[in-house]
Structures are given as C-alpha cells and as structure tokens.
Amino acid sequence: MNRDAVAPAAAPVACCAPLTRETITPGDAELFARKLKALADPVRLRLVSIVAASEGQEACVCDLIEPVGLSQPTVSHHLKILTEAGFLTRSKRGTWAYFRLVPGALEAVAAPLVTV
C-alpha cells in the first residue's frame, strides 16, 4: 500500500450514551450543593451520626459536646448549620436545646444521585 494513501473514513460513532432519566435542574443543583456543603464537615457528620444513633433520633446539645471534643459555642454553630440545611430540628426545654433528625432528610440527599 502506498504510504501517501488515505485510509477510508470510518463511520461516525456516538460518543455519549443517551440519558435514561431526568437530571436535576440548575436550581436544584444549587440547593443540593448547599445541603452537601452543610454535611461536608467531619464534625457535622459526627453530630448527625450521634443524633441519628440516639434514642428517638434526638439528643440534647449537652450530650453532643464531649463526643466531638469541642466547646459548646462551636458545637452550637455546627448544629445551627445542620438545622438551617434541614437535617435537624431544634426544640428548647428549659435551658437546653434538643436536636432531632428530620425524617427522610438524609435519604433526600442521596435521591438525586441514585439511579432508579
């Protein structure tokens, strides 16, 4: 074969597989990213884990300080972020605040990424 000869062109091949389900909208992606950012901290992940493992999935802030080894104001700051992100609810009883895991909140974070 002549070195200068051009090989015949191959048939075009599709480079991408078609989508099989709906994807999240840009607005939903923004909200989802904020929720993930709230969880993307080792202390906050521990706090959610401790609350989820507590009886009734509820814990007093006084029970959350020692396990994470931080001061009460720092723990309260992390709990506020988790509450604002919709993972925990807060109720006050006397001088103490109690935090409860919002049912389905953690599953809702995984839902946009899980294939059906």
N, C-alpha and C. Protein backbone atom coordinates (compact mmCIF):
# COMPACT_ATOMS: atom_id res chain seq x y z
N MET A 1 0.84 -1.17 0.00
CA MET A 1 0.00 0.00 0.00
C MET A 1 0.89 1.24 0.00
N ASN A 2 0.49 2.22 -0.72
CA ASN A 2 1.21 3.47 -0.83
C ASN A 2 1.12 4.21 0.50
N ARG A 3 2.27 4.72 1.00
CA ARG A 3 2.27 5.43 2.28
C ARG A 3 1.45 6.71 2.23
N ASP A 4 1.33 7.29 1.10
CA ASP A 4 0.61 8.55 0.96
C ASP A 4 -0.90 8.34 0.80
N ALA A 5 -1.33 7.11 0.70
CA ALA A 5 -2.76 6.84 0.51
C ALA A 5 -3.50 7.12 1.81
N VAL A 6 -4.69 7.64 1.69
CA VAL A 6 -5.52 7.97 2.85
C VAL A 6 -6.48 6.81 3.11
N ALA A 7 -6.55 6.41 4.38
CA ALA A 7 -7.46 5.34 4.74
C ALA A 7 -8.89 5.83 4.62
N PRO A 8 -9.80 4.95 4.26
CA PRO A 8 -11.21 5.36 4.16
C PRO A 8 -11.72 5.82 5.52
N ALA A 9 -12.60 6.80 5.52
CA ALA A 9 -13.17 7.34 6.76
C ALA A 9 -14.09 6.31 7.40
N ALA A 10 -13.96 6.17 8.71
CA ALA A 10 -14.82 5.24 9.44
C ALA A 10 -16.16 5.91 9.68
N ALA A 11 -17.17 5.11 9.86
CA ALA A 11 -18.50 5.65 10.16
C ALA A 11 -18.45 6.33 11.52
N PRO A 12 -19.14 7.47 11.68
CA PRO A 12 -19.12 8.17 12.97
C PRO A 12 -19.71 7.29 14.08
N VAL A 13 -19.10 7.38 15.24
CA VAL A 13 -19.54 6.61 16.40
C VAL A 13 -20.07 7.60 17.44
N ALA A 14 -21.21 7.29 18.00
CA ALA A 14 -21.76 8.15 19.04
C ALA A 14 -20.84 8.11 20.25
N CYS A 15 -20.52 9.29 20.76
CA CYS A 15 -19.58 9.33 21.88
C CYS A 15 -20.27 9.25 23.24
N CYS A 16 -21.55 9.48 23.29
CA CYS A 16 -22.23 9.52 24.58
C CYS A 16 -23.47 8.64 24.55
N ALA A 17 -23.70 7.98 25.65
CA ALA A 17 -24.92 7.19 25.78
C ALA A 17 -26.08 8.14 26.09
N PRO A 18 -27.27 7.82 25.65
CA PRO A 18 -28.42 8.69 25.94
C PRO A 18 -28.78 8.63 27.43
N LEU A 19 -29.34 9.72 27.94
CA LEU A 19 -29.80 9.75 29.34
C LEU A 19 -30.99 8.82 29.49
N THR A 20 -31.06 8.17 30.63
CA THR A 20 -32.16 7.23 30.87
C THR A 20 -33.16 7.74 31.88
N ARG A 21 -32.89 8.91 32.46
CA ARG A 21 -33.83 9.52 33.41
C ARG A 21 -33.55 11.01 33.45
N GLU A 22 -34.44 11.75 34.09
CA GLU A 22 -34.29 13.18 34.21
C GLU A 22 -33.10 13.52 35.12
N THR A 23 -32.46 14.62 34.83
CA THR A 23 -31.37 15.09 35.69
C THR A 23 -31.88 16.26 36.52
N ILE A 24 -31.11 16.68 37.51
CA ILE A 24 -31.56 17.79 38.34
C ILE A 24 -31.38 19.11 37.60
N THR A 25 -32.24 20.04 37.92
CA THR A 25 -32.19 21.36 37.30
C THR A 25 -31.05 22.17 37.90
N PRO A 26 -30.64 23.25 37.24
CA PRO A 26 -29.59 24.09 37.83
C PRO A 26 -29.97 24.62 39.22
N GLY A 27 -31.22 25.00 39.41
CA GLY A 27 -31.66 25.48 40.73
C GLY A 27 -31.61 24.40 41.79
N ASP A 28 -32.06 23.19 41.41
CA ASP A 28 -32.00 22.07 42.34
C ASP A 28 -30.55 21.69 42.65
N ALA A 29 -29.68 21.81 41.66
CA ALA A 29 -28.26 21.51 41.87
C ALA A 29 -27.66 22.49 42.87
N GLU A 30 -28.04 23.75 42.79
CA GLU A 30 -27.56 24.76 43.74
C GLU A 30 -28.01 24.44 45.16
N LEU A 31 -29.28 24.10 45.32
CA LEU A 31 -29.81 23.73 46.64
C LEU A 31 -29.14 22.47 47.15
N PHE A 32 -28.98 21.50 46.29
CA PHE A 32 -28.34 20.23 46.63
C PHE A 32 -26.90 20.47 47.09
N ALA A 33 -26.18 21.33 46.38
CA ALA A 33 -24.79 21.65 46.73
C ALA A 33 -24.71 22.30 48.11
N ARG A 34 -25.66 23.19 48.43
CA ARG A 34 -25.66 23.82 49.77
C ARG A 34 -25.89 22.77 50.85
N LYS A 35 -26.78 21.81 50.60
CA LYS A 35 -27.03 20.75 51.58
C LYS A 35 -25.79 19.87 51.76
N LEU A 36 -25.16 19.53 50.64
CA LEU A 36 -23.94 18.71 50.73
C LEU A 36 -22.84 19.47 51.46
N LYS A 37 -22.74 20.77 51.20
CA LYS A 37 -21.72 21.58 51.88
C LYS A 37 -21.96 21.58 53.39
N ALA A 38 -23.22 21.62 53.81
CA ALA A 38 -23.53 21.58 55.24
C ALA A 38 -23.07 20.26 55.86
N LEU A 39 -23.17 19.19 55.12
CA LEU A 39 -22.75 17.88 55.63
C LEU A 39 -21.26 17.63 55.46
N ALA A 40 -20.62 18.35 54.55
CA ALA A 40 -19.22 18.07 54.18
C ALA A 40 -18.24 18.61 55.20
N ASP A 41 -18.43 18.23 56.42
CA ASP A 41 -17.55 18.63 57.52
C ASP A 41 -17.51 17.46 58.49
N PRO A 42 -16.33 17.01 58.90
CA PRO A 42 -16.25 15.85 59.78
C PRO A 42 -17.02 16.02 61.09
N VAL A 43 -16.99 17.20 61.67
CA VAL A 43 -17.72 17.42 62.94
C VAL A 43 -19.21 17.31 62.71
N ARG A 44 -19.70 17.93 61.64
CA ARG A 44 -21.14 17.89 61.38
C ARG A 44 -21.61 16.48 61.04
N LEU A 45 -20.78 15.73 60.31
CA LEU A 45 -21.14 14.33 60.04
C LEU A 45 -21.22 13.53 61.33
N ARG A 46 -20.28 13.79 62.25
CA ARG A 46 -20.32 13.10 63.55
C ARG A 46 -21.57 13.49 64.33
N LEU A 47 -21.90 14.78 64.33
CA LEU A 47 -23.09 15.23 65.06
C LEU A 47 -24.36 14.57 64.52
N VAL A 48 -24.49 14.52 63.21
CA VAL A 48 -25.66 13.87 62.61
C VAL A 48 -25.67 12.40 62.98
N SER A 49 -24.53 11.76 62.95
CA SER A 49 -24.42 10.35 63.30
C SER A 49 -24.83 10.11 64.75
N ILE A 50 -24.38 10.98 65.65
CA ILE A 50 -24.71 10.83 67.07
C ILE A 50 -26.20 11.03 67.30
N VAL A 51 -26.76 12.06 66.68
CA VAL A 51 -28.21 12.31 66.83
C VAL A 51 -28.99 11.13 66.26
N ALA A 52 -28.60 10.65 65.08
CA ALA A 52 -29.30 9.53 64.45
C ALA A 52 -29.23 8.26 65.29
N ALA A 53 -28.13 8.07 66.02
CA ALA A 53 -27.94 6.88 66.84
C ALA A 53 -28.56 7.01 68.23
N SER A 54 -29.00 8.21 68.59
CA SER A 54 -29.59 8.44 69.91
C SER A 54 -31.03 7.94 69.95
N GLU A 55 -31.49 7.65 71.15
CA GLU A 55 -32.86 7.19 71.33
C GLU A 55 -33.84 8.22 70.76
N GLY A 56 -34.73 7.74 69.92
CA GLY A 56 -35.71 8.62 69.28
C GLY A 56 -35.09 9.56 68.26
N GLN A 57 -33.85 9.31 67.87
CA GLN A 57 -33.09 10.16 66.95
C GLN A 57 -33.13 11.62 67.41
N GLU A 58 -32.92 11.79 68.73
CA GLU A 58 -32.92 13.11 69.34
C GLU A 58 -31.84 13.16 70.42
N ALA A 59 -31.14 14.29 70.51
CA ALA A 59 -30.08 14.44 71.51
C ALA A 59 -30.04 15.87 72.01
N CYS A 60 -29.71 16.02 73.30
CA CYS A 60 -29.51 17.33 73.91
C CYS A 60 -28.12 17.83 73.51
N VAL A 61 -28.02 19.13 73.32
CA VAL A 61 -26.72 19.70 72.98
C VAL A 61 -25.68 19.34 74.04
N CYS A 62 -26.12 19.19 75.29
CA CYS A 62 -25.18 18.84 76.36
C CYS A 62 -24.57 17.45 76.14
N ASP A 63 -25.28 16.59 75.39
CA ASP A 63 -24.76 15.25 75.10
C ASP A 63 -23.90 15.20 73.84
N LEU A 64 -23.81 16.31 73.14
CA LEU A 64 -23.08 16.34 71.87
C LEU A 64 -21.70 16.99 72.00
N ILE A 65 -21.46 17.69 73.08
CA ILE A 65 -20.22 18.44 73.24
C ILE A 65 -19.02 17.51 73.45
N GLU A 66 -19.12 16.64 74.42
CA GLU A 66 -17.99 15.77 74.78
C GLU A 66 -17.58 14.83 73.65
N PRO A 67 -18.52 14.18 72.96
CA PRO A 67 -18.10 13.23 71.91
C PRO A 67 -17.30 13.86 70.77
N VAL A 68 -17.55 15.13 70.45
CA VAL A 68 -16.80 15.76 69.36
C VAL A 68 -15.62 16.56 69.87
N GLY A 69 -15.53 16.75 71.19
CA GLY A 69 -14.36 17.41 71.78
C GLY A 69 -14.24 18.89 71.47
N LEU A 70 -15.37 19.56 71.30
CA LEU A 70 -15.35 20.99 71.00
C LEU A 70 -16.15 21.75 72.05
N SER A 71 -15.98 23.06 72.08
CA SER A 71 -16.71 23.88 73.04
C SER A 71 -18.19 23.95 72.67
N GLN A 72 -19.02 24.30 73.65
CA GLN A 72 -20.46 24.40 73.42
C GLN A 72 -20.79 25.42 72.33
N PRO A 73 -20.17 26.61 72.30
CA PRO A 73 -20.49 27.54 71.21
C PRO A 73 -20.14 26.99 69.82
N THR A 74 -19.04 26.26 69.71
CA THR A 74 -18.66 25.69 68.42
C THR A 74 -19.63 24.60 67.99
N VAL A 75 -20.01 23.75 68.92
CA VAL A 75 -20.98 22.69 68.63
C VAL A 75 -22.31 23.33 68.23
N SER A 76 -22.73 24.36 68.95
CA SER A 76 -23.98 25.05 68.62
C SER A 76 -23.93 25.66 67.22
N HIS A 77 -22.79 26.18 66.84
CA HIS A 77 -22.63 26.73 65.49
C HIS A 77 -22.84 25.64 64.44
N HIS A 78 -22.21 24.49 64.64
CA HIS A 78 -22.38 23.38 63.70
C HIS A 78 -23.83 22.90 63.66
N LEU A 79 -24.47 22.84 64.81
CA LEU A 79 -25.87 22.41 64.87
C LEU A 79 -26.78 23.41 64.16
N LYS A 80 -26.46 24.68 64.26
CA LYS A 80 -27.25 25.71 63.57
C LYS A 80 -27.16 25.50 62.05
N ILE A 81 -25.97 25.23 61.55
CA ILE A 81 -25.79 24.99 60.11
C ILE A 81 -26.61 23.77 59.67
N LEU A 82 -26.56 22.70 60.45
CA LEU A 82 -27.32 21.49 60.12
C LEU A 82 -28.82 21.72 60.19
N THR A 83 -29.25 22.56 61.13
CA THR A 83 -30.67 22.89 61.25
C THR A 83 -31.12 23.74 60.07
N GLU A 84 -30.35 24.74 59.71
CA GLU A 84 -30.69 25.60 58.58
C GLU A 84 -30.70 24.83 57.26
N ALA A 85 -29.89 23.79 57.16
CA ALA A 85 -29.84 22.97 55.95
C ALA A 85 -30.98 21.95 55.91
N GLY A 86 -31.72 21.83 57.00
CA GLY A 86 -32.88 20.94 57.01
C GLY A 86 -32.62 19.53 57.47
N PHE A 87 -31.46 19.28 58.09
CA PHE A 87 -31.15 17.94 58.57
C PHE A 87 -31.63 17.70 60.00
N LEU A 88 -31.67 18.76 60.79
CA LEU A 88 -32.08 18.66 62.20
C LEU A 88 -33.17 19.67 62.49
N THR A 89 -33.98 19.37 63.51
CA THR A 89 -34.89 20.37 64.06
C THR A 89 -34.43 20.64 65.48
N ARG A 90 -34.79 21.80 65.99
CA ARG A 90 -34.36 22.22 67.33
C ARG A 90 -35.58 22.52 68.17
N SER A 91 -35.56 22.05 69.41
CA SER A 91 -36.59 22.42 70.38
C SER A 91 -35.90 22.76 71.69
N LYS A 92 -36.47 23.69 72.41
CA LYS A 92 -35.87 24.13 73.66
C LYS A 92 -36.68 23.58 74.83
N ARG A 93 -35.99 23.03 75.80
CA ARG A 93 -36.61 22.51 77.02
C ARG A 93 -35.82 23.06 78.19
N GLY A 94 -36.40 24.03 78.86
CA GLY A 94 -35.69 24.70 79.95
C GLY A 94 -34.53 25.47 79.35
N THR A 95 -33.34 25.20 79.84
CA THR A 95 -32.17 25.92 79.34
C THR A 95 -31.44 25.16 78.23
N TRP A 96 -31.89 23.94 77.94
CA TRP A 96 -31.18 23.10 76.97
C TRP A 96 -31.91 23.04 75.64
N ALA A 97 -31.13 22.92 74.57
CA ALA A 97 -31.68 22.72 73.23
C ALA A 97 -31.53 21.25 72.86
N TYR A 98 -32.58 20.72 72.28
CA TYR A 98 -32.59 19.33 71.82
C TYR A 98 -32.68 19.33 70.30
N PHE A 99 -31.93 18.43 69.69
CA PHE A 99 -31.91 18.34 68.24
C PHE A 99 -32.38 16.97 67.81
N ARG A 100 -33.24 16.98 66.79
CA ARG A 100 -33.83 15.74 66.27
C ARG A 100 -33.55 15.66 64.77
N LEU A 101 -33.25 14.47 64.32
CA LEU A 101 -33.03 14.23 62.90
C LEU A 101 -34.36 14.37 62.16
N VAL A 102 -34.37 15.13 61.09
CA VAL A 102 -35.57 15.29 60.27
C VAL A 102 -35.78 14.01 59.48
N PRO A 103 -36.96 13.38 59.63
CA PRO A 103 -37.19 12.13 58.89
C PRO A 103 -37.02 12.31 57.38
N GLY A 104 -36.25 11.44 56.78
CA GLY A 104 -36.05 11.46 55.34
C GLY A 104 -35.03 12.46 54.83
N ALA A 105 -34.47 13.29 55.71
CA ALA A 105 -33.53 14.34 55.25
C ALA A 105 -32.27 13.74 54.64
N LEU A 106 -31.73 12.72 55.25
CA LEU A 106 -30.51 12.11 54.71
C LEU A 106 -30.79 11.34 53.43
N GLU A 107 -31.92 10.67 53.37
CA GLU A 107 -32.29 9.94 52.16
C GLU A 107 -32.52 10.91 51.00
N ALA A 108 -33.05 12.09 51.31
CA ALA A 108 -33.31 13.10 50.27
C ALA A 108 -32.01 13.59 49.64
N VAL A 109 -30.92 13.57 50.40
CA VAL A 109 -29.63 14.00 49.85
C VAL A 109 -29.13 12.99 48.83
N ALA A 110 -29.36 11.73 49.08
CA ALA A 110 -28.89 10.68 48.18
C ALA A 110 -29.79 10.54 46.94
N ALA A 111 -31.04 10.90 47.05
CA ALA A 111 -32.02 10.66 45.99
C ALA A 111 -31.59 11.18 44.61
N PRO A 112 -31.09 12.41 44.47
CA PRO A 112 -30.73 12.88 43.12
C PRO A 112 -29.57 12.10 42.49
N LEU A 113 -28.82 11.38 43.30
CA LEU A 113 -27.65 10.67 42.77
C LEU A 113 -27.92 9.19 42.50
N VAL A 114 -28.99 8.68 43.07
CA VAL A 114 -29.29 7.26 42.97
C VAL A 114 -30.10 7.00 41.70
N THR A 115 -29.70 5.98 40.96
CA THR A 115 -30.45 5.63 39.77
C THR A 115 -31.67 4.83 40.17
N VAL A 116 -32.71 5.00 39.43
CA VAL A 116 -33.96 4.31 39.72
C VAL A 116 -34.01 3.01 38.98
